[in-house]
Amino acid sequence: MTAATHSQTERAIELFHALSDETRLEIIELLRKGERCVCELTDTLDAAQSRLSFHLRVLKDAGIVRDRKDGRWVHYELDPEVFEEVEALISAMKPLAVSRSEACCA
């Protein structure tokens, strides 16, 4: 495995881990409509602040969301570029067309 391939694999693991939780997917769905204050997310998801903070940290560490402080409130939004990155990672995983003559057991 080349260094570039290893780096791409590590990035895929980070992104897919962040996307593998129901609460985090609910957060993403809410943020698809635009920036939201953490208080809105807490109320809408009916989640404890500590639990929500954990999930937001995972999403932020993966680069899926970014935050902006406004006084004592923190606002979150999705980073659209990371979804292009996920699409590229998925696309790179698509099966290649291999002819039967190239198969190992032909």
Protein backbone atom coordinates (compact mmCIF):
# COMPACT_ATOMS: atom_id res chain seq x y z
CA MET A 1 0.00 0.00 0.00
CA THR A 2 1.40 3.37 -0.99
CA ALA A 3 1.49 6.30 1.39
CA ALA A 4 -1.21 8.05 -0.66
CA THR A 5 -3.44 4.98 -0.57
CA HIS A 6 -2.90 4.60 3.18
CA SER A 7 -3.76 8.26 3.72
CA GLN A 8 -6.91 7.90 1.59
CA THR A 9 -7.90 4.79 3.56
CA GLU A 10 -7.41 6.59 6.88
CA ARG A 11 -9.51 9.51 5.66
CA ALA A 12 -12.28 7.14 4.52
CA ILE A 13 -12.27 5.46 7.94
CA GLU A 14 -12.57 8.86 9.67
CA LEU A 15 -15.43 10.02 7.45
CA PHE A 16 -17.37 6.76 7.47
CA HIS A 17 -17.02 6.50 11.24
CA ALA A 18 -18.44 10.00 11.62
CA LEU A 19 -21.32 9.08 9.30
CA SER A 20 -22.05 5.75 10.99
CA ASP A 21 -24.16 6.98 13.88
CA GLU A 22 -27.91 7.69 13.87
CA THR A 23 -27.60 10.83 16.00
CA ARG A 24 -24.86 12.25 13.80
CA LEU A 25 -26.96 11.57 10.70
CA GLU A 26 -29.87 13.39 12.37
CA ILE A 27 -27.58 16.34 13.06
CA ILE A 28 -26.49 16.37 9.41
CA GLU A 29 -30.13 16.29 8.28
CA LEU A 30 -30.91 19.32 10.46
CA LEU A 31 -27.86 21.19 9.21
CA ARG A 32 -28.76 20.51 5.57
CA LYS A 33 -31.32 23.30 5.99
CA GLY A 34 -28.61 25.75 7.05
CA GLU A 35 -26.68 26.91 10.07
CA ARG A 36 -28.15 26.05 13.47
CA CYS A 37 -27.37 27.20 16.99
CA VAL A 38 -26.37 24.42 19.35
CA CYS A 39 -29.42 25.25 21.47
CA GLU A 40 -31.68 24.53 18.47
CA LEU A 41 -29.97 21.20 17.90
CA THR A 42 -30.32 20.28 21.57
CA ASP A 43 -34.03 21.13 21.60
CA THR A 44 -34.85 19.51 18.27
CA LEU A 45 -32.97 16.29 19.02
CA ASP A 46 -34.09 16.26 22.65
CA ALA A 47 -30.53 15.32 23.54
CA ALA A 48 -28.42 16.05 26.59
CA GLN A 49 -25.89 18.78 25.92
CA SER A 50 -22.95 16.49 26.75
CA ARG A 51 -24.17 13.79 24.36
CA LEU A 52 -24.73 16.33 21.58
CA SER A 53 -21.32 17.88 22.18
CA PHE A 54 -19.68 14.48 21.75
CA HIS A 55 -21.41 13.90 18.40
CA LEU A 56 -20.68 17.42 17.16
CA ARG A 57 -17.01 16.95 18.09
CA VAL A 58 -16.83 13.74 15.99
CA LEU A 59 -18.42 15.54 13.04
CA LYS A 60 -16.19 18.58 13.49
CA ASP A 61 -13.01 16.49 13.81
CA ALA A 62 -13.92 14.75 10.53
CA GLY A 63 -14.42 18.15 8.90
CA ILE A 64 -18.09 17.50 8.18
CA VAL A 65 -19.28 20.46 10.25
CA ARG A 66 -17.68 23.74 11.18
CA ASP A 67 -18.61 26.05 14.00
CA ARG A 68 -18.88 29.77 14.59
CA LYS A 69 -19.04 31.40 18.00
CA ASP A 70 -21.49 34.25 18.53
CA GLY A 71 -21.22 35.49 22.10
CA ARG A 72 -22.01 32.54 24.34
CA TRP A 73 -23.66 30.54 21.55
CA VAL A 74 -22.04 28.26 19.01
CA HIS A 75 -23.54 27.85 15.56
CA TYR A 76 -22.85 24.83 13.35
CA GLU A 77 -23.06 24.34 9.61
CA LEU A 78 -22.10 21.66 7.12
CA ASP A 79 -18.96 21.98 5.02
CA PRO A 80 -20.19 21.22 1.48
CA GLU A 81 -16.70 20.37 0.24
CA VAL A 82 -16.45 17.32 2.50
CA PHE A 83 -19.47 15.77 0.78
CA GLU A 84 -17.65 16.05 -2.54
CA GLU A 85 -14.76 14.26 -0.85
CA VAL A 86 -17.09 11.48 0.34
CA GLU A 87 -18.48 11.14 -3.19
CA ALA A 88 -14.94 10.83 -4.57
CA LEU A 89 -14.05 8.19 -1.97
CA ILE A 90 -17.18 6.18 -2.81
CA SER A 91 -16.52 6.52 -6.52
CA ALA A 92 -12.98 5.22 -6.05
CA MET A 93 -14.41 2.11 -4.36
CA LYS A 94 -16.69 1.15 -7.24
CA PRO A 95 -15.88 -2.24 -8.72
CA LEU A 96 -13.74 -2.22 -11.81
CA ALA A 97 -14.90 -4.09 -14.88
CA VAL A 98 -12.67 -7.16 -15.09
CA SER A 99 -12.94 -9.53 -18.02
CA ARG A 100 -13.21 -13.23 -17.30
CA SER A 101 -9.83 -13.82 -18.98
CA GLU A 102 -8.21 -11.60 -16.32
CA ALA A 103 -9.80 -13.43 -13.40
CA CYS A 104 -7.37 -15.44 -11.28
CA CYS A 105 -9.23 -18.75 -11.56
CA ALA A 106 -10.18 -18.63 -15.23
